[in-house]
């Protein structure tokens, strides 16, 4: 069972990640293909990995929020039709 403070913390974390993601997405460097590596401000691949990591973190926070939201079956995902059929076949 989660408490209201936990949900507020998750929401605050989600907002912070979204802000950081907006900054990361808006600050793509120009094409550095003709620039010597020693003059790069940042490695474009590192920036892309960072952005992908932020997307993953945001998805994880949203999943935890959904799992701890009131009126849910404590994080259980809805059963698919295949799962219901296999369960019914065992009866």
Protein backbone atom coordinates (compact mmCIF):
# COMPACT_ATOMS: atom_id res chain seq x y z
CA UNK A 1 0.00 0.00 0.00
CA UNK A 2 1.39 3.39 -0.90
CA UNK A 3 0.93 6.59 1.01
CA UNK A 4 0.07 10.02 -0.45
CA UNK A 5 3.61 11.29 0.16
CA UNK A 6 5.02 8.49 -1.98
CA UNK A 7 2.70 9.37 -4.86
CA UNK A 8 3.66 13.04 -4.58
CA UNK A 9 7.34 12.07 -4.64
CA UNK A 10 6.80 9.95 -7.75
CA UNK A 11 4.95 12.78 -9.45
CA UNK A 12 7.74 15.21 -8.54
CA UNK A 13 10.31 12.80 -9.94
CA UNK A 14 8.27 12.43 -13.12
CA UNK A 15 8.16 16.22 -13.57
CA UNK A 16 11.92 16.52 -13.02
CA UNK A 17 12.63 13.78 -15.57
CA UNK A 18 10.30 15.40 -18.12
CA UNK A 19 12.11 18.75 -17.69
CA UNK A 20 15.51 17.10 -18.06
CA UNK A 21 14.28 15.21 -21.11
CA UNK A 22 12.99 18.43 -22.70
CA UNK A 23 16.39 20.03 -22.15
CA UNK A 24 18.20 17.01 -23.58
CA UNK A 25 15.94 16.86 -26.64
CA UNK A 26 16.27 20.58 -27.35
CA UNK A 27 20.04 20.69 -27.06
CA UNK A 28 21.06 18.41 -29.91
CA UNK A 29 24.47 19.42 -31.16
CA UNK A 30 25.06 20.38 -34.74
CA UNK A 31 26.52 17.83 -37.14
CA UNK A 32 30.01 17.05 -35.89
CA UNK A 33 31.01 14.66 -38.66
CA UNK A 34 33.60 17.09 -40.06
CA UNK A 35 34.85 18.32 -36.69
CA UNK A 36 37.86 16.75 -34.99
CA UNK A 37 36.93 14.73 -31.91
CA UNK A 38 39.10 16.99 -29.75
CA UNK A 39 36.80 19.92 -30.55
CA UNK A 40 33.51 18.21 -29.67
CA UNK A 41 31.72 19.67 -26.67
CA UNK A 42 30.13 16.26 -26.03
CA UNK A 43 30.08 12.90 -27.74
CA UNK A 44 26.79 12.69 -29.72
CA UNK A 45 26.43 9.00 -28.84
CA UNK A 46 26.70 9.77 -25.12
CA UNK A 47 23.98 12.39 -25.47
CA UNK A 48 21.75 9.94 -27.32
CA UNK A 49 22.32 7.25 -24.66
CA UNK A 50 21.48 9.79 -21.95
CA UNK A 51 18.23 10.68 -23.70
CA UNK A 52 17.29 7.01 -24.12
CA UNK A 53 18.05 6.45 -20.44
CA UNK A 54 15.77 9.34 -19.46
CA UNK A 55 12.95 7.86 -21.55
CA UNK A 56 13.43 4.52 -19.79
CA UNK A 57 13.47 6.15 -16.38
CA UNK A 58 10.32 8.12 -17.18
CA UNK A 59 8.56 4.93 -18.31
CA UNK A 60 9.62 3.20 -15.09
CA UNK A 61 8.30 6.02 -12.90
CA UNK A 62 4.99 6.00 -14.77
CA UNK A 63 4.75 2.22 -14.34
CA UNK A 64 5.28 2.53 -10.59
CA UNK A 65 2.71 5.32 -10.42
CA UNK A 66 0.21 3.17 -12.30
CA UNK A 67 0.94 0.18 -10.08
CA UNK A 68 0.43 2.16 -6.88
CA UNK A 69 -2.57 4.19 -8.06
CA UNK A 70 -5.75 3.82 -6.01
CA UNK A 71 -8.48 1.50 -7.32
CA UNK A 72 -6.07 -0.89 -9.02
CA UNK A 73 -5.35 -4.50 -8.24
CA UNK A 74 -2.06 -3.57 -6.56
CA UNK A 75 -0.01 -3.39 -9.72
CA UNK A 76 -1.46 -6.40 -11.48
CA UNK A 77 -1.74 -6.11 -15.21
CA UNK A 78 -5.02 -7.00 -16.89
CA UNK A 79 -5.11 -10.56 -18.06
CA UNK A 80 -4.91 -11.08 -21.78
CA UNK A 81 -7.33 -13.32 -23.62
CA UNK A 82 -4.58 -15.96 -23.96
CA UNK A 83 -4.02 -16.02 -20.20
CA UNK A 84 -7.76 -16.38 -19.53
CA UNK A 85 -8.02 -19.25 -22.02
CA UNK A 86 -5.09 -21.14 -20.50
CA UNK A 87 -6.49 -20.56 -17.00
CA UNK A 88 -9.93 -21.81 -18.08
CA UNK A 89 -8.40 -24.88 -19.75
CA UNK A 90 -6.79 -25.90 -16.43
CA UNK A 91 -10.13 -25.99 -14.66
